N, C-alpha and C. Protein backbone atom coordinates (compact mmCIF):
# COMPACT_ATOMS: atom_id res chain seq x y z
N MET A 1 -15.08 62.86 -117.70
CA MET A 1 -13.73 63.50 -117.85
C MET A 1 -13.24 64.19 -116.64
N ARG A 2 -12.17 64.41 -116.55
CA ARG A 2 -11.75 65.08 -115.29
C ARG A 2 -10.77 66.25 -115.57
N LYS A 3 -2.43 70.92 -112.16
CA LYS A 3 -1.61 71.68 -110.73
C LYS A 3 -2.02 71.94 -110.45
N GLY A 4 -3.20 71.49 -107.92
CA GLY A 4 -2.61 72.04 -107.73
C GLY A 4 -1.41 72.65 -108.05
N PHE A 5 -0.58 72.06 -108.18
CA PHE A 5 0.59 73.05 -108.22
C PHE A 5 1.32 72.60 -109.57
N THR A 6 2.09 73.60 -109.96
CA THR A 6 3.07 73.44 -111.02
C THR A 6 4.15 72.62 -110.51
N ARG A 7 4.42 71.41 -110.99
CA ARG A 7 5.55 70.71 -110.65
C ARG A 7 6.12 69.80 -111.74
N ARG A 8 7.23 69.52 -111.64
CA ARG A 8 7.96 68.53 -112.60
C ARG A 8 7.28 67.29 -112.45
N PRO A 9 7.00 66.54 -113.51
CA PRO A 9 6.34 65.21 -113.45
C PRO A 9 7.42 64.26 -112.69
N GLN A 10 6.87 63.59 -111.69
CA GLN A 10 7.66 62.67 -111.06
C GLN A 10 7.21 61.21 -111.07
N GLY A 11 6.49 60.92 -112.08
CA GLY A 11 6.06 59.51 -112.22
C GLY A 11 4.61 59.16 -111.65
N ASP A 12 4.26 58.02 -111.50
CA ASP A 12 2.88 57.56 -111.02
C ASP A 12 2.81 58.23 -109.62
N GLU A 13 1.56 58.57 -109.39
CA GLU A 13 1.38 59.40 -107.99
C GLU A 13 -0.06 58.81 -107.62
N PRO A 14 -0.30 58.95 -106.31
CA PRO A 14 -1.49 58.47 -105.63
C PRO A 14 -2.49 59.46 -105.87
N ALA A 15 -3.81 58.92 -106.11
CA ALA A 15 -4.92 59.74 -106.34
C ALA A 15 -6.15 59.48 -105.35
N THR A 16 -6.88 60.27 -105.24
CA THR A 16 -8.11 60.00 -104.27
C THR A 16 -8.93 58.88 -105.00
N ARG A 17 -9.50 58.03 -104.23
CA ARG A 17 -10.32 57.06 -104.69
C ARG A 17 -11.75 57.52 -104.85
N GLY A 18 -12.62 56.89 -105.58
CA GLY A 18 -13.89 57.28 -105.77
C GLY A 18 -14.00 58.48 -106.80
N LYS A 19 -15.07 59.29 -106.54
CA LYS A 19 -15.28 60.31 -107.70
C LYS A 19 -14.23 61.35 -107.74
N ASN A 20 -13.84 61.83 -108.80
CA ASN A 20 -12.82 62.76 -108.96
C ASN A 20 -13.36 64.07 -109.31
N TYR A 21 -14.03 64.87 -108.43
CA TYR A 21 -14.53 66.08 -108.62
C TYR A 21 -13.47 67.02 -108.88
N ILE A 22 -13.67 68.07 -109.94
CA ILE A 22 -12.69 69.09 -110.32
C ILE A 22 -13.51 70.30 -110.84
N THR A 23 -12.96 71.50 -110.73
CA THR A 23 -13.51 72.61 -111.33
C THR A 23 -13.18 72.75 -112.86
N PRO A 24 -13.80 73.43 -113.66
CA PRO A 24 -13.41 73.62 -115.04
C PRO A 24 -11.96 74.13 -115.31
N ASN A 25 -11.64 75.04 -114.36
CA ASN A 25 -10.21 75.51 -114.52
C ASN A 25 -9.27 74.51 -114.11
N GLY A 26 -9.53 73.65 -113.12
CA GLY A 26 -8.64 72.71 -112.61
C GLY A 26 -8.53 71.66 -113.81
N LEU A 27 -9.57 71.37 -114.41
CA LEU A 27 -9.58 70.35 -115.49
C LEU A 27 -8.64 70.78 -116.63
N GLN A 28 -8.82 72.14 -116.95
CA GLN A 28 -7.95 72.70 -118.06
C GLN A 28 -6.48 72.64 -117.80
N ARG A 29 -6.21 72.87 -116.45
CA ARG A 29 -4.86 72.90 -116.08
C ARG A 29 -4.15 71.49 -116.34
N LEU A 30 -4.99 70.42 -115.90
CA LEU A 30 -4.51 68.94 -116.22
C LEU A 30 -4.29 68.69 -117.71
N LYS A 31 -5.16 69.16 -118.44
CA LYS A 31 -5.11 68.92 -119.98
C LYS A 31 -3.94 69.67 -120.51
N ASP A 32 -3.64 70.94 -119.95
CA ASP A 32 -2.51 71.55 -120.52
C ASP A 32 -1.25 71.04 -120.24
N GLU A 33 -1.13 70.47 -118.91
CA GLU A 33 0.14 69.80 -118.49
C GLU A 33 0.35 68.49 -119.53
N HIS A 34 -0.80 67.70 -119.55
CA HIS A 34 -0.84 66.53 -120.29
C HIS A 34 -0.42 66.83 -121.71
N ARG A 35 -0.91 67.75 -122.41
CA ARG A 35 -0.62 68.04 -123.66
C ARG A 35 0.97 68.51 -123.78
N PHE A 36 1.39 69.22 -122.94
CA PHE A 36 2.86 69.64 -122.90
C PHE A 36 3.80 68.39 -122.81
N LEU A 37 3.56 67.53 -121.87
CA LEU A 37 4.36 66.35 -121.75
C LEU A 37 4.33 65.48 -122.92
N LEU A 38 3.05 65.26 -123.47
CA LEU A 38 2.98 64.44 -124.67
C LEU A 38 3.48 65.03 -126.01
N THR A 39 3.37 66.24 -126.15
CA THR A 39 3.68 66.71 -127.48
C THR A 39 4.92 67.55 -127.52
N ARG A 40 5.52 67.99 -126.29
CA ARG A 40 6.68 68.70 -126.17
C ARG A 40 7.84 68.08 -125.55
N GLU A 41 7.62 67.72 -124.25
CA GLU A 41 8.72 67.32 -123.34
C GLU A 41 9.15 65.89 -123.93
N ARG A 42 8.20 65.00 -123.90
CA ARG A 42 8.61 63.48 -124.32
C ARG A 42 9.24 63.49 -125.50
N PRO A 43 8.77 64.16 -126.62
CA PRO A 43 9.54 64.09 -127.85
C PRO A 43 10.94 64.57 -127.80
N ALA A 44 11.16 65.68 -126.98
CA ALA A 44 12.49 66.21 -126.80
C ALA A 44 13.36 65.21 -126.17
N VAL A 45 12.91 64.55 -125.10
CA VAL A 45 13.70 63.65 -124.32
C VAL A 45 14.08 62.50 -125.07
N THR A 46 12.97 62.06 -125.99
CA THR A 46 13.24 60.85 -126.82
C THR A 46 14.36 61.09 -127.82
N GLU A 47 14.35 62.34 -128.42
CA GLU A 47 15.43 62.72 -129.31
C GLU A 47 16.73 62.62 -128.70
N VAL A 48 16.82 63.03 -127.34
CA VAL A 48 18.31 62.96 -126.66
C VAL A 48 18.68 61.57 -126.42
N VAL A 49 17.75 60.69 -126.02
CA VAL A 49 18.00 59.28 -125.75
C VAL A 49 18.45 58.64 -126.99
N ALA A 50 17.80 58.90 -128.18
CA ALA A 50 18.32 58.46 -129.49
C ALA A 50 19.63 58.77 -129.77
N TRP A 51 19.92 60.18 -129.55
CA TRP A 51 21.26 60.65 -129.87
C TRP A 51 22.28 60.03 -129.02
N ALA A 52 22.07 59.80 -127.68
CA ALA A 52 22.85 59.30 -126.73
C ALA A 52 23.15 57.75 -127.07
N ALA A 53 22.05 57.18 -127.41
CA ALA A 53 22.35 55.71 -127.83
C ALA A 53 23.19 55.46 -128.90
N SER A 54 23.44 56.44 -129.77
CA SER A 54 24.28 56.27 -130.85
C SER A 54 25.77 56.49 -130.65
N ASN A 55 26.04 56.86 -129.27
CA ASN A 55 27.38 57.10 -128.85
C ASN A 55 28.13 56.08 -128.19
N GLY A 56 27.84 54.88 -128.56
CA GLY A 56 28.63 53.67 -127.98
C GLY A 56 27.89 53.13 -126.76
N ASP A 57 28.72 52.62 -125.91
CA ASP A 57 28.43 51.80 -124.62
C ASP A 57 27.33 52.43 -123.77
N ARG A 58 26.10 52.01 -123.87
CA ARG A 58 25.06 52.56 -123.06
C ARG A 58 25.22 52.34 -121.60
N SER A 59 25.89 51.47 -121.09
CA SER A 59 26.00 51.19 -119.63
C SER A 59 26.86 52.35 -119.00
N GLU A 60 27.81 52.95 -119.70
CA GLU A 60 28.60 54.17 -119.15
C GLU A 60 28.20 55.46 -119.85
N ASN A 61 27.03 55.55 -120.53
CA ASN A 61 26.66 56.79 -121.23
C ASN A 61 25.69 57.55 -120.30
N ALA A 62 26.20 58.48 -119.65
CA ALA A 62 25.41 59.29 -118.71
C ALA A 62 24.26 59.92 -119.39
N ASP A 63 24.38 60.48 -120.51
CA ASP A 63 23.27 61.09 -121.20
C ASP A 63 22.20 60.11 -121.48
N TYR A 64 22.52 58.88 -121.88
CA TYR A 64 21.40 57.91 -122.21
C TYR A 64 20.80 57.56 -120.82
N GLN A 65 21.53 57.25 -119.90
CA GLN A 65 20.89 56.71 -118.69
C GLN A 65 20.00 57.81 -117.99
N TYR A 66 20.44 59.13 -118.02
CA TYR A 66 19.58 60.17 -117.62
C TYR A 66 18.27 60.29 -118.43
N GLY A 67 18.52 60.23 -119.68
CA GLY A 67 17.34 60.37 -120.54
C GLY A 67 16.39 59.26 -120.38
N LYS A 68 16.82 58.03 -120.24
CA LYS A 68 15.85 56.95 -120.07
C LYS A 68 15.16 57.07 -118.53
N ARG A 69 15.84 57.49 -117.58
CA ARG A 69 15.25 57.84 -116.31
C ARG A 69 14.14 58.88 -116.46
N ARG A 70 14.50 59.90 -117.26
CA ARG A 70 13.47 61.03 -117.31
C ARG A 70 12.39 60.54 -118.06
N LEU A 71 12.40 59.74 -119.03
CA LEU A 71 11.32 59.26 -119.88
C LEU A 71 10.51 58.33 -119.04
N ARG A 72 11.07 57.56 -118.01
CA ARG A 72 10.25 56.87 -117.24
C ARG A 72 9.32 57.76 -116.30
N GLN A 73 9.90 58.90 -115.83
CA GLN A 73 9.17 59.80 -115.01
C GLN A 73 8.14 60.53 -115.84
N ILE A 74 8.35 60.85 -117.00
CA ILE A 74 7.27 61.48 -117.98
C ILE A 74 6.19 60.61 -118.20
N ASP A 75 6.59 59.36 -118.52
CA ASP A 75 5.46 58.37 -118.81
C ASP A 75 4.55 58.11 -117.51
N GLY A 76 5.25 58.09 -116.59
CA GLY A 76 4.40 57.87 -115.32
C GLY A 76 3.53 58.99 -114.94
N ARG A 77 3.95 60.17 -115.22
CA ARG A 77 3.08 61.38 -115.07
C ARG A 77 1.89 61.45 -116.16
N ILE A 78 2.34 61.02 -117.30
CA ILE A 78 1.26 61.11 -118.47
C ILE A 78 0.30 60.03 -118.07
N ARG A 79 0.61 58.90 -117.59
CA ARG A 79 -0.41 57.81 -117.17
C ARG A 79 -1.27 58.34 -116.01
N PHE A 80 -0.72 59.01 -114.95
CA PHE A 80 -1.43 59.69 -113.88
C PHE A 80 -2.33 60.67 -114.32
N LEU A 81 -1.93 61.62 -115.26
CA LEU A 81 -2.87 62.69 -115.77
C LEU A 81 -3.93 62.05 -116.63
N THR A 82 -3.71 61.02 -117.40
CA THR A 82 -4.68 60.42 -118.16
C THR A 82 -5.76 59.88 -117.40
N LYS A 83 -5.42 59.15 -116.34
CA LYS A 83 -6.42 58.69 -115.46
C LYS A 83 -7.28 59.71 -114.73
N ARG A 84 -6.60 60.75 -114.27
CA ARG A 84 -7.34 61.81 -113.51
C ARG A 84 -8.34 62.49 -114.66
N ILE A 85 -7.93 62.80 -115.79
CA ILE A 85 -8.69 63.43 -116.76
C ILE A 85 -9.84 62.54 -117.21
N GLU A 86 -9.67 61.29 -117.43
CA GLU A 86 -10.74 60.37 -117.72
C GLU A 86 -11.73 60.22 -116.69
N ALA A 87 -11.30 60.27 -115.46
CA ALA A 87 -12.16 60.01 -114.25
C ALA A 87 -12.85 61.31 -113.71
N ALA A 88 -12.51 62.44 -114.42
CA ALA A 88 -12.99 63.72 -113.83
C ALA A 88 -14.55 63.86 -113.94
N GLU A 89 -15.13 64.60 -112.86
CA GLU A 89 -16.39 64.98 -112.82
C GLU A 89 -16.49 66.38 -112.69
N VAL A 90 -16.69 67.16 -113.75
CA VAL A 90 -16.54 68.50 -113.60
C VAL A 90 -17.79 69.22 -112.75
N VAL A 91 -17.49 70.15 -111.94
CA VAL A 91 -18.33 70.87 -111.20
C VAL A 91 -18.01 72.40 -111.21
N ASP A 92 -18.92 73.11 -111.90
CA ASP A 92 -18.64 74.56 -111.95
C ASP A 92 -19.27 75.37 -110.74
N PRO A 93 -18.48 75.87 -109.95
CA PRO A 93 -18.93 76.69 -108.84
C PRO A 93 -19.93 77.74 -109.26
N GLU A 94 -19.95 78.40 -110.50
CA GLU A 94 -20.82 79.45 -110.91
C GLU A 94 -22.12 78.94 -111.37
N THR A 95 -22.40 77.66 -111.46
CA THR A 95 -23.69 77.23 -111.86
C THR A 95 -24.65 77.52 -110.85
N PRO A 96 -25.77 77.98 -111.23
CA PRO A 96 -26.81 78.43 -110.30
C PRO A 96 -27.38 77.28 -109.50
N ARG A 97 -27.57 77.49 -108.27
CA ARG A 97 -28.01 76.29 -107.38
C ARG A 97 -29.49 76.57 -106.75
N ALA A 98 -30.14 75.75 -106.44
CA ALA A 98 -31.45 75.94 -105.94
C ALA A 98 -31.46 75.32 -104.42
N GLY A 99 -32.43 75.99 -103.75
CA GLY A 99 -32.64 75.51 -102.29
C GLY A 99 -31.55 75.42 -101.44
N GLN A 100 -31.39 74.33 -100.59
CA GLN A 100 -30.25 74.19 -99.63
C GLN A 100 -28.78 74.16 -100.44
N ALA A 101 -28.90 73.74 -101.66
CA ALA A 101 -27.55 73.59 -102.44
C ALA A 101 -27.00 74.92 -102.68
N ALA A 102 -27.78 75.99 -102.55
CA ALA A 102 -27.21 77.37 -102.73
C ALA A 102 -26.71 78.06 -101.42
N THR A 103 -27.14 77.42 -100.31
CA THR A 103 -26.71 78.07 -98.97
C THR A 103 -25.74 77.06 -98.13
N ARG A 104 -25.55 75.82 -98.54
CA ARG A 104 -24.71 74.92 -97.72
C ARG A 104 -23.60 74.56 -98.56
N ALA A 105 -22.55 74.27 -97.87
CA ALA A 105 -21.22 74.08 -98.44
C ALA A 105 -21.01 72.58 -99.14
N PHE A 106 -20.84 72.65 -100.41
CA PHE A 106 -20.59 71.44 -101.09
C PHE A 106 -19.32 71.74 -101.94
N PHE A 107 -19.01 70.77 -102.84
CA PHE A 107 -17.79 71.10 -103.61
C PHE A 107 -18.05 72.22 -104.54
N GLY A 108 -16.91 73.06 -104.47
CA GLY A 108 -16.88 74.38 -105.25
C GLY A 108 -17.41 75.63 -104.37
N ALA A 109 -17.78 75.30 -103.09
CA ALA A 109 -18.12 76.35 -102.22
C ALA A 109 -16.96 77.30 -101.84
N THR A 110 -17.29 78.55 -101.41
CA THR A 110 -16.24 79.32 -100.77
C THR A 110 -16.80 79.68 -99.48
N VAL A 111 -16.05 79.29 -98.21
CA VAL A 111 -16.54 79.38 -96.99
C VAL A 111 -15.80 80.22 -96.08
N ARG A 112 -16.48 81.10 -95.43
CA ARG A 112 -15.81 82.03 -94.38
C ARG A 112 -16.13 81.43 -93.01
N TYR A 113 -15.14 81.16 -92.18
CA TYR A 113 -15.44 80.54 -90.93
C TYR A 113 -14.48 81.27 -89.77
N ALA A 114 -14.90 80.98 -88.48
CA ALA A 114 -13.96 81.47 -87.40
C ALA A 114 -13.63 80.35 -86.57
N ASN A 115 -12.42 80.35 -85.99
CA ASN A 115 -12.10 79.30 -85.03
C ASN A 115 -12.51 79.86 -83.56
N ALA A 116 -12.30 79.06 -82.59
CA ALA A 116 -12.64 79.42 -81.11
C ALA A 116 -12.17 80.75 -80.70
N ALA A 117 -10.92 81.14 -81.23
CA ALA A 117 -10.31 82.45 -80.76
C ALA A 117 -10.87 83.50 -81.58
N GLY A 118 -11.78 83.26 -82.60
CA GLY A 118 -12.42 84.41 -83.32
C GLY A 118 -11.68 84.71 -84.56
N THR A 119 -10.57 83.95 -84.84
CA THR A 119 -9.79 84.25 -86.01
C THR A 119 -10.69 83.72 -87.34
N GLU A 120 -10.82 84.59 -88.37
CA GLU A 120 -11.59 84.19 -89.46
C GLU A 120 -10.63 83.90 -90.58
N ARG A 121 -11.15 82.88 -91.36
CA ARG A 121 -10.46 82.43 -92.59
C ARG A 121 -11.45 82.19 -93.73
N VAL A 122 -10.94 82.28 -94.83
CA VAL A 122 -11.79 82.12 -96.05
C VAL A 122 -11.19 80.97 -96.90
N VAL A 123 -11.94 79.85 -97.22
CA VAL A 123 -11.26 78.75 -98.03
C VAL A 123 -12.26 78.30 -99.18
N SER A 124 -11.72 77.95 -100.14
CA SER A 124 -12.55 77.39 -101.31
C SER A 124 -12.37 75.83 -101.45
N ILE A 125 -13.42 75.04 -101.44
CA ILE A 125 -13.38 73.66 -101.51
C ILE A 125 -13.16 73.19 -102.96
N VAL A 126 -12.07 72.57 -103.27
CA VAL A 126 -11.85 72.16 -104.66
C VAL A 126 -11.37 70.63 -104.66
N GLY A 127 -11.12 70.20 -105.89
CA GLY A 127 -10.56 68.83 -106.06
C GLY A 127 -9.20 68.55 -105.55
N ALA A 128 -8.80 67.34 -105.42
CA ALA A 128 -7.54 66.99 -104.85
C ALA A 128 -6.37 67.32 -105.80
N ASP A 129 -6.66 67.65 -107.07
CA ASP A 129 -5.56 68.07 -108.03
C ASP A 129 -5.58 69.50 -108.16
N GLU A 130 -6.36 70.30 -107.25
CA GLU A 130 -6.33 71.77 -107.37
C GLU A 130 -5.87 72.43 -106.07
N VAL A 131 -5.49 71.58 -105.01
CA VAL A 131 -5.18 72.18 -103.80
C VAL A 131 -4.03 73.20 -103.81
N ASP A 132 -4.17 74.47 -103.30
CA ASP A 132 -3.21 75.42 -103.29
C ASP A 132 -3.46 76.15 -102.08
N LEU A 133 -2.49 75.88 -101.11
CA LEU A 133 -2.68 76.61 -99.84
C LEU A 133 -2.42 78.04 -99.95
N ASN A 134 -1.63 78.54 -100.93
CA ASN A 134 -1.34 79.99 -101.00
C ASN A 134 -2.61 80.68 -101.43
N ARG A 135 -3.50 79.95 -102.03
CA ARG A 135 -4.84 80.60 -102.41
C ARG A 135 -5.91 80.24 -101.66
N ASN A 136 -5.55 79.41 -100.50
CA ASN A 136 -6.57 78.90 -99.62
C ASN A 136 -7.60 77.92 -100.29
N HIS A 137 -7.13 77.11 -101.20
CA HIS A 137 -7.86 76.10 -101.88
C HIS A 137 -7.70 74.88 -101.23
N ILE A 138 -8.68 74.32 -100.68
CA ILE A 138 -8.55 72.98 -99.90
C ILE A 138 -9.19 71.92 -100.64
N SER A 139 -8.73 70.67 -100.39
CA SER A 139 -9.56 69.51 -100.98
C SER A 139 -10.64 69.10 -100.19
N TRP A 140 -11.67 68.69 -100.98
CA TRP A 140 -12.99 68.33 -100.46
C TRP A 140 -12.82 67.05 -99.61
N VAL A 141 -11.73 66.23 -99.73
CA VAL A 141 -11.55 65.03 -99.02
C VAL A 141 -10.57 65.32 -97.81
N SER A 142 -10.12 66.65 -97.63
CA SER A 142 -9.18 66.89 -96.53
C SER A 142 -10.04 67.02 -95.20
N PRO A 143 -9.41 66.83 -93.99
CA PRO A 143 -10.19 66.96 -92.76
C PRO A 143 -11.16 68.26 -92.73
N LEU A 144 -10.43 69.46 -93.09
CA LEU A 144 -11.32 70.64 -93.09
C LEU A 144 -12.30 70.56 -94.15
N GLY A 145 -12.09 70.24 -95.25
CA GLY A 145 -13.02 69.93 -96.24
C GLY A 145 -14.26 69.24 -95.86
N ARG A 146 -13.88 68.00 -95.26
CA ARG A 146 -14.94 67.13 -94.67
C ARG A 146 -15.80 67.88 -93.60
N ALA A 147 -15.10 68.62 -92.71
CA ALA A 147 -15.66 69.20 -91.68
C ALA A 147 -16.72 70.27 -92.15
N LEU A 148 -16.36 70.99 -93.07
CA LEU A 148 -17.30 71.95 -93.58
C LEU A 148 -18.27 71.60 -94.54
N MET A 149 -18.14 70.41 -95.16
CA MET A 149 -19.06 69.87 -96.07
C MET A 149 -20.59 69.85 -95.54
N LYS A 150 -21.51 70.36 -96.25
CA LYS A 150 -22.91 70.39 -95.96
C LYS A 150 -23.28 71.49 -94.81
N SER A 151 -22.31 72.25 -94.43
CA SER A 151 -22.55 73.15 -93.42
C SER A 151 -23.26 74.50 -94.06
N ALA A 152 -23.81 75.29 -93.22
CA ALA A 152 -24.46 76.56 -93.54
C ALA A 152 -24.08 77.60 -92.61
N ALA A 153 -24.27 78.87 -92.96
CA ALA A 153 -23.89 79.98 -92.14
C ALA A 153 -24.57 79.83 -90.80
N GLY A 154 -23.86 79.89 -89.73
CA GLY A 154 -24.52 79.78 -88.43
C GLY A 154 -24.16 78.46 -87.79
N ASP A 155 -23.88 77.59 -88.59
CA ASP A 155 -23.50 76.20 -88.07
C ASP A 155 -22.17 76.10 -87.36
N ARG A 156 -22.02 75.15 -86.29
CA ARG A 156 -20.68 74.96 -85.64
C ARG A 156 -20.42 73.46 -86.06
N VAL A 157 -19.10 73.46 -86.46
CA VAL A 157 -18.72 72.18 -87.01
C VAL A 157 -17.43 71.70 -86.19
N VAL A 158 -17.10 70.38 -86.27
CA VAL A 158 -15.92 69.96 -85.50
C VAL A 158 -14.91 69.39 -86.48
N LEU A 159 -13.69 70.01 -86.44
CA LEU A 159 -12.62 69.53 -87.11
C LEU A 159 -11.70 68.66 -86.62
N HIS A 160 -11.66 67.46 -87.02
CA HIS A 160 -10.76 66.50 -86.58
C HIS A 160 -9.54 66.39 -87.32
N ALA A 161 -8.45 67.02 -86.81
CA ALA A 161 -7.25 67.18 -87.53
C ALA A 161 -6.09 66.45 -86.80
N PRO A 162 -4.87 66.21 -87.46
CA PRO A 162 -3.84 65.53 -86.69
C PRO A 162 -3.46 66.31 -85.47
N GLY A 163 -3.47 67.56 -85.44
CA GLY A 163 -3.28 68.24 -84.24
C GLY A 163 -4.11 68.31 -83.28
N GLY A 164 -5.35 67.72 -83.44
CA GLY A 164 -6.47 67.73 -82.29
C GLY A 164 -7.70 68.12 -82.89
N THR A 165 -8.66 68.21 -81.83
CA THR A 165 -9.96 68.58 -82.34
C THR A 165 -10.24 70.18 -82.26
N GLU A 166 -10.87 70.75 -83.21
CA GLU A 166 -11.13 72.11 -83.13
C GLU A 166 -12.63 72.37 -83.51
N TYR A 167 -13.10 73.45 -82.86
CA TYR A 167 -14.56 73.81 -83.19
C TYR A 167 -14.59 75.08 -84.06
N LEU A 168 -15.31 75.06 -85.09
CA LEU A 168 -15.33 76.08 -86.07
C LEU A 168 -16.85 76.66 -86.21
N THR A 169 -16.92 77.94 -86.35
CA THR A 169 -18.28 78.46 -86.65
C THR A 169 -18.38 79.09 -88.15
N VAL A 170 -19.30 78.51 -88.80
CA VAL A 170 -19.36 78.87 -90.16
C VAL A 170 -20.05 80.19 -90.19
N LEU A 171 -19.47 81.19 -91.02
CA LEU A 171 -20.11 82.53 -91.04
C LEU A 171 -20.75 82.92 -92.32
N GLU A 172 -20.25 82.38 -93.48
CA GLU A 172 -20.71 82.60 -94.83
C GLU A 172 -20.34 81.43 -95.73
N VAL A 173 -21.34 81.04 -96.66
CA VAL A 173 -21.17 80.18 -97.60
C VAL A 173 -21.69 80.72 -98.99
N CYS A 174 -20.79 80.73 -99.98
CA CYS A 174 -21.14 81.38 -101.23
C CYS A 174 -20.54 80.48 -102.45
N TYR A 175 -20.95 80.71 -103.68
CA TYR A 175 -20.49 80.12 -104.75
C TYR A 175 -20.01 81.06 -105.81
N GLU A 176 -18.79 81.13 -106.12
CA GLU A 176 -18.32 82.05 -107.15
C GLU A 176 -17.14 81.38 -107.92
N ARG A 177 -16.71 82.18 -108.72
CA ARG A 177 -15.51 81.71 -109.73
C ARG A 177 -14.25 81.27 -108.81
N ILE A 178 -13.75 80.25 -109.06
CA ILE A 178 -12.51 79.90 -108.39
C ILE A 178 -11.29 79.81 -109.34
N SER A 179 -10.43 80.86 -109.16
CA SER A 179 -9.27 80.79 -110.00
C SER A 179 -8.21 79.90 -109.65
N VAL A 180 -7.81 79.06 -110.65
CA VAL A 180 -6.72 77.98 -110.41
C VAL A 180 -5.36 78.54 -111.27
N GLU A 181 -4.28 78.37 -110.45
CA GLU A 181 -3.13 78.62 -111.09
C GLU A 181 -2.87 77.83 -112.41
N PRO A 182 -2.73 78.68 -113.55
CA PRO A 182 -2.65 77.78 -114.77
C PRO A 182 -1.36 76.97 -114.91
N PHE A 183 -1.37 76.02 -115.79
CA PHE A 183 -0.08 75.21 -115.91
C PHE A 183 0.94 76.00 -116.77
N ARG A 184 2.16 76.20 -116.17
CA ARG A 184 3.22 76.85 -116.88
C ARG A 184 4.46 75.93 -117.28
N GLU A 185 4.97 75.96 -118.50
CA GLU A 185 5.99 75.20 -118.74
C GLU A 185 7.12 75.43 -117.88
N PRO A 186 7.86 74.40 -117.43
CA PRO A 186 9.01 74.68 -116.50
C PRO A 186 10.04 75.48 -117.18
N PRO A 187 10.73 76.32 -116.50
CA PRO A 187 11.87 77.14 -117.24
C PRO A 187 12.76 76.23 -118.05
N GLY A 188 12.96 76.75 -119.28
CA GLY A 188 13.87 76.11 -120.19
C GLY A 188 13.42 74.81 -120.79
N ALA A 189 12.14 74.48 -120.59
CA ALA A 189 11.61 73.23 -121.09
C ALA A 189 11.16 73.53 -122.66
N GLU A 190 12.12 73.53 -123.47
CA GLU A 190 11.77 73.68 -124.86
C GLU A 190 11.77 72.38 -125.43
N ALA A 191 11.17 72.22 -126.59
CA ALA A 191 11.10 70.95 -127.35
C ALA A 191 12.28 70.84 -128.09
N SER A 192 13.44 70.70 -127.38
CA SER A 192 14.81 70.41 -127.94
C SER A 192 15.62 69.67 -126.88
N ALA A 193 16.82 69.31 -127.30
CA ALA A 193 17.73 68.63 -126.41
C ALA A 193 18.74 69.42 -125.84
N LYS A 194 18.43 70.80 -125.85
CA LYS A 194 19.60 71.70 -125.38
C LYS A 194 19.72 71.59 -123.92
N GLY A 195 18.93 71.12 -123.19
CA GLY A 195 18.92 71.04 -121.78
C GLY A 195 19.71 69.94 -121.31
N PHE A 196 20.25 69.00 -122.22
CA PHE A 196 20.97 67.93 -121.73
C PHE A 196 22.39 68.12 -122.16
N PRO A 197 23.39 67.58 -121.27
CA PRO A 197 24.84 67.80 -121.49
C PRO A 197 25.22 66.75 -122.45
N ARG A 198 25.59 67.06 -123.66
CA ARG A 198 26.10 66.30 -124.62
C ARG A 198 27.61 66.16 -124.66
N ARG A 199 28.05 65.07 -124.42
CA ARG A 199 29.56 64.84 -124.40
C ARG A 199 29.98 63.85 -125.42
N ARG A 200 31.19 64.10 -125.98
CA ARG A 200 31.63 63.02 -127.03
C ARG A 200 32.15 61.91 -126.30
N GLN A 201 31.76 60.78 -126.82
CA GLN A 201 32.21 59.44 -126.20
C GLN A 201 33.51 59.19 -126.80
N SER A 202 34.43 58.74 -125.87
CA SER A 202 35.86 58.41 -126.37
C SER A 202 35.78 57.18 -127.18
N THR A 203 36.65 57.11 -128.22
CA THR A 203 36.71 56.01 -129.07
C THR A 203 37.87 55.14 -128.90
């Protein structure tokens, strides 16, 4: 089994290849969005499309055309979420670790490091679906995530980023609960057709 960010569904989206690691909170977020789209938003839009289709010429029916386009976006997002959930490999950062696994940075680790100028930063290594720069949550497959992977306190790692090469010193590695922004229904996204402009078609 398997938001980063709250966003309106935009259809099929690229996903990282290979293992789809994710935290328990991240997986719950995906499931909540999937459930909302499947049981709330899609039925509401389908209702609007059916109503609009009964109003005559579909080629000139703005409500019908918009509704069909929105359905395609929703279906694409549902397919994407379904694949991500099915491919998920859940890793709980709070699970006790033994030996080097407890002191080195792997998926789910929270790492404090400093750059060459001495500026410190703390990041948590999470799945591609949980990235949230406002919370300093970085993907384990990002350049920084890869640079920090398997490092321990005292290690010096090399970050190869688009902006150039940077040397970082790892100061601390720990494993703790990682809070993920929960899925929230978009404003006004009720299971009804009220959000669509209904216009009478001329006869």
